[in-house]
Amino acid sequence: MGFRSPIARHGHGVVVIDEQIYVIGGAAEAGLKATLGQLDRLQLETKSAN
């Protein structure tokens, strides 16, 4: 399993609820510059253990 965030970020937060990954905030540059009010939701794809 692999994925990339739709935009590059520095210092963001991530929360997982059920099979959804929520990537919250962050900045386009390090050092509290160009902070983002962005929220992305990524869907996990799971495979059966069969």
C-alpha atoms as a PDB file:
ATOM      1  CA  MET A   1       0.000   0.000   0.000  1.00  0.00           C
ATOM      2  CA  GLY A   2       1.305   3.433  -0.820  1.00  0.00           C
ATOM      3  CA  PHE A   3       0.033   6.908  -1.547  1.00  0.00           C
ATOM      4  CA  ARG A   4       1.164  10.484  -1.832  1.00  0.00           C
ATOM      5  CA  SER A   5      -0.466  13.542  -0.376  1.00  0.00           C
ATOM      6  CA  PRO A   6      -1.991  15.712  -3.105  1.00  0.00           C
ATOM      7  CA  ILE A   7       0.369  18.552  -2.066  1.00  0.00           C
ATOM      8  CA  ALA A   8       3.766  18.536  -0.336  1.00  0.00           C
ATOM      9  CA  ARG A   9       3.617  19.685   3.308  1.00  0.00           C
ATOM     10  CA  HIS A  10       5.802  20.257   6.335  1.00  0.00           C
ATOM     11  CA  GLY A  11       4.596  19.803   9.928  1.00  0.00           C
ATOM     12  CA  HIS A  12       1.081  18.524   9.257  1.00  0.00           C
ATOM     13  CA  GLY A  13      -1.184  16.401  11.443  1.00  0.00           C
ATOM     14  CA  VAL A  14      -2.803  13.114  10.464  1.00  0.00           C
ATOM     15  CA  VAL A  15      -5.824  11.306  11.919  1.00  0.00           C
ATOM     16  CA  VAL A  16      -7.136   7.866  10.919  1.00  0.00           C
ATOM     17  CA  ILE A  17     -10.844   7.119  11.322  1.00  0.00           C
ATOM     18  CA  ASP A  18     -12.105   3.767  10.056  1.00  0.00           C
ATOM     19  CA  GLU A  19     -10.535   3.425   6.584  1.00  0.00           C
ATOM     20  CA  GLN A  20     -10.047   7.162   6.010  1.00  0.00           C
ATOM     21  CA  ILE A  21      -6.817   9.130   6.551  1.00  0.00           C
ATOM     22  CA  TYR A  22      -7.304  12.851   7.197  1.00  0.00           C
ATOM     23  CA  VAL A  23      -4.237  15.054   6.588  1.00  0.00           C
ATOM     24  CA  ILE A  24      -4.723  18.366   8.378  1.00  0.00           C
ATOM     25  CA  GLY A  25      -2.971  21.706   7.883  1.00  0.00           C
ATOM     26  CA  GLY A  26       0.785  21.955   7.566  1.00  0.00           C
ATOM     27  CA  ALA A  27       2.929  24.466   5.726  1.00  0.00           C
ATOM     28  CA  ALA A  28       4.353  24.790   2.245  1.00  0.00           C
ATOM     29  CA  GLU A  29       7.725  25.746   3.815  1.00  0.00           C
ATOM     30  CA  ALA A  30       9.541  24.979   7.074  1.00  0.00           C
ATOM     31  CA  GLY A  31       9.712  27.628   9.813  1.00  0.00           C
ATOM     32  CA  LEU A  32       6.074  28.729  10.175  1.00  0.00           C
ATOM     33  CA  LYS A  33       6.006  30.144   6.655  1.00  0.00           C
ATOM     34  CA  ALA A  34       3.211  29.700   4.136  1.00  0.00           C
ATOM     35  CA  THR A  35       0.865  27.789   6.459  1.00  0.00           C
ATOM     36  CA  LEU A  36      -1.973  25.927   4.774  1.00  0.00           C
ATOM     37  CA  GLY A  37      -5.633  25.674   5.737  1.00  0.00           C
ATOM     38  CA  GLN A  38      -5.832  22.424   3.819  1.00  0.00           C
ATOM     39  CA  LEU A  39      -7.701  19.215   4.692  1.00  0.00           C
ATOM     40  CA  ASP A  40      -7.258  16.121   2.529  1.00  0.00           C
ATOM     41  CA  ARG A  41      -9.061  12.804   2.963  1.00  0.00           C
ATOM     42  CA  LEU A  42      -7.378   9.682   1.640  1.00  0.00           C
ATOM     43  CA  GLN A  43      -9.161   6.335   1.341  1.00  0.00           C
ATOM     44  CA  LEU A  44      -7.338   3.195   2.487  1.00  0.00           C
ATOM     45  CA  GLU A  45      -7.723   0.166   0.300  1.00  0.00           C
ATOM     46  CA  THR A  46      -7.613  -3.063   2.251  1.00  0.00           C
ATOM     47  CA  LYS A  47      -7.167  -6.575   0.915  1.00  0.00           C
ATOM     48  CA  SER A  48      -8.641  -9.785   2.313  1.00  0.00           C
ATOM     49  CA  ALA A  49      -6.305 -12.112   4.189  1.00  0.00           C
ATOM     50  CA  ASN A  50      -7.589 -15.070   2.105  1.00  0.00           C
END
